């Protein structure tokens, strides 16, 4: 179903590359490049068709992804909330300690 289609060139290149020259040439010969061959016409690809089984599998996979991402986000929010609450408790305790130190107790 999802196999790549590799285009096959039925004709070899018409002009082989010239051999490299070891002696310097005074005037290089102009190189003519052949015009590229027109691209073969391709048939339009059909759209992807889902069978009932693959549609159910796709829906189940999407639901699993949503549940996992939701669980991760909720746990991160819970970690931030617990950290904020503990910092608030520490701030209140420190404020009480500083107030008691200022009163000289």
C-alpha atoms as a PDB file:
ATOM      1  CA  UNK A   1       0.000   0.000   0.000  1.00  0.00           C
ATOM      2  CA  UNK A   2       2.673   2.502   1.009  1.00  0.00           C
ATOM      3  CA  UNK A   3       5.531   1.342  -1.165  1.00  0.00           C
ATOM      4  CA  UNK A   4       7.772   4.009  -2.716  1.00  0.00           C
ATOM      5  CA  UNK A   5       7.753   4.305  -6.455  1.00  0.00           C
ATOM      6  CA  UNK A   6      11.231   4.857  -7.810  1.00  0.00           C
ATOM      7  CA  UNK A   7      11.354   6.309 -11.339  1.00  0.00           C
ATOM      8  CA  UNK A   8      13.497   4.311 -13.735  1.00  0.00           C
ATOM      9  CA  UNK A   9      15.467   6.070 -16.467  1.00  0.00           C
ATOM     10  CA  UNK A  10      15.035   3.868 -19.567  1.00  0.00           C
ATOM     11  CA  UNK A  11      17.774   5.680 -21.555  1.00  0.00           C
ATOM     12  CA  UNK A  12      21.393   6.162 -20.451  1.00  0.00           C
ATOM     13  CA  UNK A  13      22.845   9.682 -20.690  1.00  0.00           C
ATOM     14  CA  UNK A  14      23.471  10.592 -24.330  1.00  0.00           C
ATOM     15  CA  UNK A  15      26.762  12.449 -23.779  1.00  0.00           C
ATOM     16  CA  UNK A  16      29.407  10.938 -21.520  1.00  0.00           C
ATOM     17  CA  UNK A  17      31.484  13.403 -19.556  1.00  0.00           C
ATOM     18  CA  UNK A  18      34.772  14.386 -21.271  1.00  0.00           C
ATOM     19  CA  UNK A  19      38.000  13.035 -19.769  1.00  0.00           C
ATOM     20  CA  UNK A  20      39.987  15.379 -17.557  1.00  0.00           C
ATOM     21  CA  UNK A  21      42.882  17.180 -19.302  1.00  0.00           C
ATOM     22  CA  UNK A  22      46.285  17.300 -17.674  1.00  0.00           C
ATOM     23  CA  UNK A  23      47.807  19.956 -19.957  1.00  0.00           C
ATOM     24  CA  UNK A  24      46.476  23.508 -19.905  1.00  0.00           C
ATOM     25  CA  UNK A  25      44.388  24.441 -22.916  1.00  0.00           C
ATOM     26  CA  UNK A  26      44.559  27.922 -24.360  1.00  0.00           C
ATOM     27  CA  UNK A  27      40.898  28.161 -25.276  1.00  0.00           C
ATOM     28  CA  UNK A  28      38.453  25.722 -23.770  1.00  0.00           C
ATOM     29  CA  UNK A  29      35.912  24.219 -26.118  1.00  0.00           C
ATOM     30  CA  UNK A  30      32.341  25.255 -25.356  1.00  0.00           C
ATOM     31  CA  UNK A  31      30.362  22.522 -23.705  1.00  0.00           C
ATOM     32  CA  UNK A  32      26.887  22.015 -25.017  1.00  0.00           C
ATOM     33  CA  UNK A  33      24.323  20.766 -22.574  1.00  0.00           C
ATOM     34  CA  UNK A  34      21.447  18.830 -24.064  1.00  0.00           C
ATOM     35  CA  UNK A  35      17.966  20.053 -23.249  1.00  0.00           C
ATOM     36  CA  UNK A  36      16.362  18.076 -20.449  1.00  0.00           C
ATOM     37  CA  UNK A  37      13.846  15.500 -21.516  1.00  0.00           C
ATOM     38  CA  UNK A  38      10.238  16.318 -20.670  1.00  0.00           C
ATOM     39  CA  UNK A  39       9.039  14.735 -17.455  1.00  0.00           C
ATOM     40  CA  UNK A  40       6.762  11.744 -17.968  1.00  0.00           C
ATOM     41  CA  UNK A  41       3.166  12.431 -17.124  1.00  0.00           C
ATOM     42  CA  UNK A  42       2.130  10.904 -13.842  1.00  0.00           C
ATOM     43  CA  UNK A  43      -1.291   9.680 -12.997  1.00  0.00           C
ATOM     44  CA  UNK A  44      -2.997  11.536 -10.147  1.00  0.00           C
ATOM     45  CA  UNK A  45      -2.716   9.675  -6.873  1.00  0.00           C
ATOM     46  CA  UNK A  46      -5.869   8.526  -5.202  1.00  0.00           C
ATOM     47  CA  UNK A  47      -6.698   9.717  -1.713  1.00  0.00           C
ATOM     48  CA  UNK A  48      -6.018   7.526   1.299  1.00  0.00           C
ATOM     49  CA  UNK A  49      -8.964   5.284   2.056  1.00  0.00           C
ATOM     50  CA  UNK A  50      -9.490   4.038   5.579  1.00  0.00           C
ATOM     51  CA  UNK A  51     -11.020   0.674   6.281  1.00  0.00           C
ATOM     52  CA  UNK A  52     -13.286   0.373   9.322  1.00  0.00           C
ATOM     53  CA  UNK A  53     -10.577  -1.450  11.239  1.00  0.00           C
ATOM     54  CA  UNK A  54      -7.927   1.155  10.518  1.00  0.00           C
ATOM     55  CA  UNK A  55     -10.369   3.957  11.406  1.00  0.00           C
ATOM     56  CA  UNK A  56     -11.005   2.347  14.799  1.00  0.00           C
ATOM     57  CA  UNK A  57      -7.268   1.887  15.344  1.00  0.00           C
ATOM     58  CA  UNK A  58      -6.640   5.506  14.404  1.00  0.00           C
ATOM     59  CA  UNK A  59      -9.346   6.731  16.796  1.00  0.00           C
ATOM     60  CA  UNK A  60      -8.008   4.527  19.603  1.00  0.00           C
ATOM     61  CA  UNK A  61      -4.457   5.776  19.009  1.00  0.00           C
ATOM     62  CA  UNK A  62      -5.628   9.386  19.017  1.00  0.00           C
ATOM     63  CA  UNK A  63      -7.557   8.819  22.232  1.00  0.00           C
ATOM     64  CA  UNK A  64      -4.507   7.240  23.869  1.00  0.00           C
ATOM     65  CA  UNK A  65      -2.354  10.207  22.864  1.00  0.00           C
ATOM     66  CA  UNK A  66      -4.902  12.643  24.300  1.00  0.00           C
ATOM     67  CA  UNK A  67      -5.034  10.705  27.579  1.00  0.00           C
ATOM     68  CA  UNK A  68      -1.251  10.529  27.936  1.00  0.00           C
ATOM     69  CA  UNK A  69      -0.750  14.223  27.133  1.00  0.00           C
ATOM     70  CA  UNK A  70      -3.581  15.134  29.526  1.00  0.00           C
ATOM     71  CA  UNK A  71      -2.053  13.056  32.326  1.00  0.00           C
ATOM     72  CA  UNK A  72       1.334  14.702  31.823  1.00  0.00           C
ATOM     73  CA  UNK A  73      -0.156  18.196  31.846  1.00  0.00           C
ATOM     74  CA  UNK A  74      -2.248  17.510  34.957  1.00  0.00           C
ATOM     75  CA  UNK A  75       0.765  16.109  36.801  1.00  0.00           C
ATOM     76  CA  UNK A  76       2.815  19.182  35.871  1.00  0.00           C
ATOM     77  CA  UNK A  77       0.025  21.454  37.121  1.00  0.00           C
ATOM     78  CA  UNK A  78      -0.177  19.465  40.351  1.00  0.00           C
ATOM     79  CA  UNK A  79       3.586  19.753  40.858  1.00  0.00           C
ATOM     80  CA  UNK A  80       3.406  23.540  40.403  1.00  0.00           C
ATOM     81  CA  UNK A  81       0.455  23.795  42.816  1.00  0.00           C
ATOM     82  CA  UNK A  82       2.227  21.741  45.496  1.00  0.00           C
ATOM     83  CA  UNK A  83       5.393  23.811  45.106  1.00  0.00           C
ATOM     84  CA  UNK A  84       3.432  27.063  45.380  1.00  0.00           C
ATOM     85  CA  UNK A  85       1.604  25.875  48.498  1.00  0.00           C
ATOM     86  CA  UNK A  86       4.827  24.793  50.202  1.00  0.00           C
ATOM     87  CA  UNK A  87       6.515  28.107  49.374  1.00  0.00           C
ATOM     88  CA  UNK A  88       3.501  29.950  50.827  1.00  0.00           C
ATOM     89  CA  UNK A  89       3.726  27.928  54.058  1.00  0.00           C
ATOM     90  CA  UNK A  90       7.462  28.623  54.336  1.00  0.00           C
ATOM     91  CA  UNK A  91       6.843  32.349  53.781  1.00  0.00           C
ATOM     92  CA  UNK A  92       4.239  32.462  56.562  1.00  0.00           C
ATOM     93  CA  UNK A  93       6.521  30.608  58.984  1.00  0.00           C
ATOM     94  CA  UNK A  94       9.444  32.905  58.182  1.00  0.00           C
ATOM     95  CA  UNK A  95       7.260  35.977  58.647  1.00  0.00           C
ATOM     96  CA  UNK A  96       6.170  34.729  62.083  1.00  0.00           C
ATOM     97  CA  UNK A  97       9.763  33.986  63.059  1.00  0.00           C
ATOM     98  CA  UNK A  98      10.965  37.423  61.968  1.00  0.00           C
ATOM     99  CA  UNK A  99       8.098  39.098  63.868  1.00  0.00           C
ATOM    100  CA  UNK A 100       8.956  37.127  67.034  1.00  0.00           C
ATOM    101  CA  UNK A 101      12.645  38.098  66.686  1.00  0.00           C
ATOM    102  CA  UNK A 102      11.720  41.798  66.377  1.00  0.00           C
ATOM    103  CA  UNK A 103       9.586  41.636  69.549  1.00  0.00           C
ATOM    104  CA  UNK A 104      12.562  40.159  71.400  1.00  0.00           C
ATOM    105  CA  UNK A 105      11.039  36.900  72.522  1.00  0.00           C
END
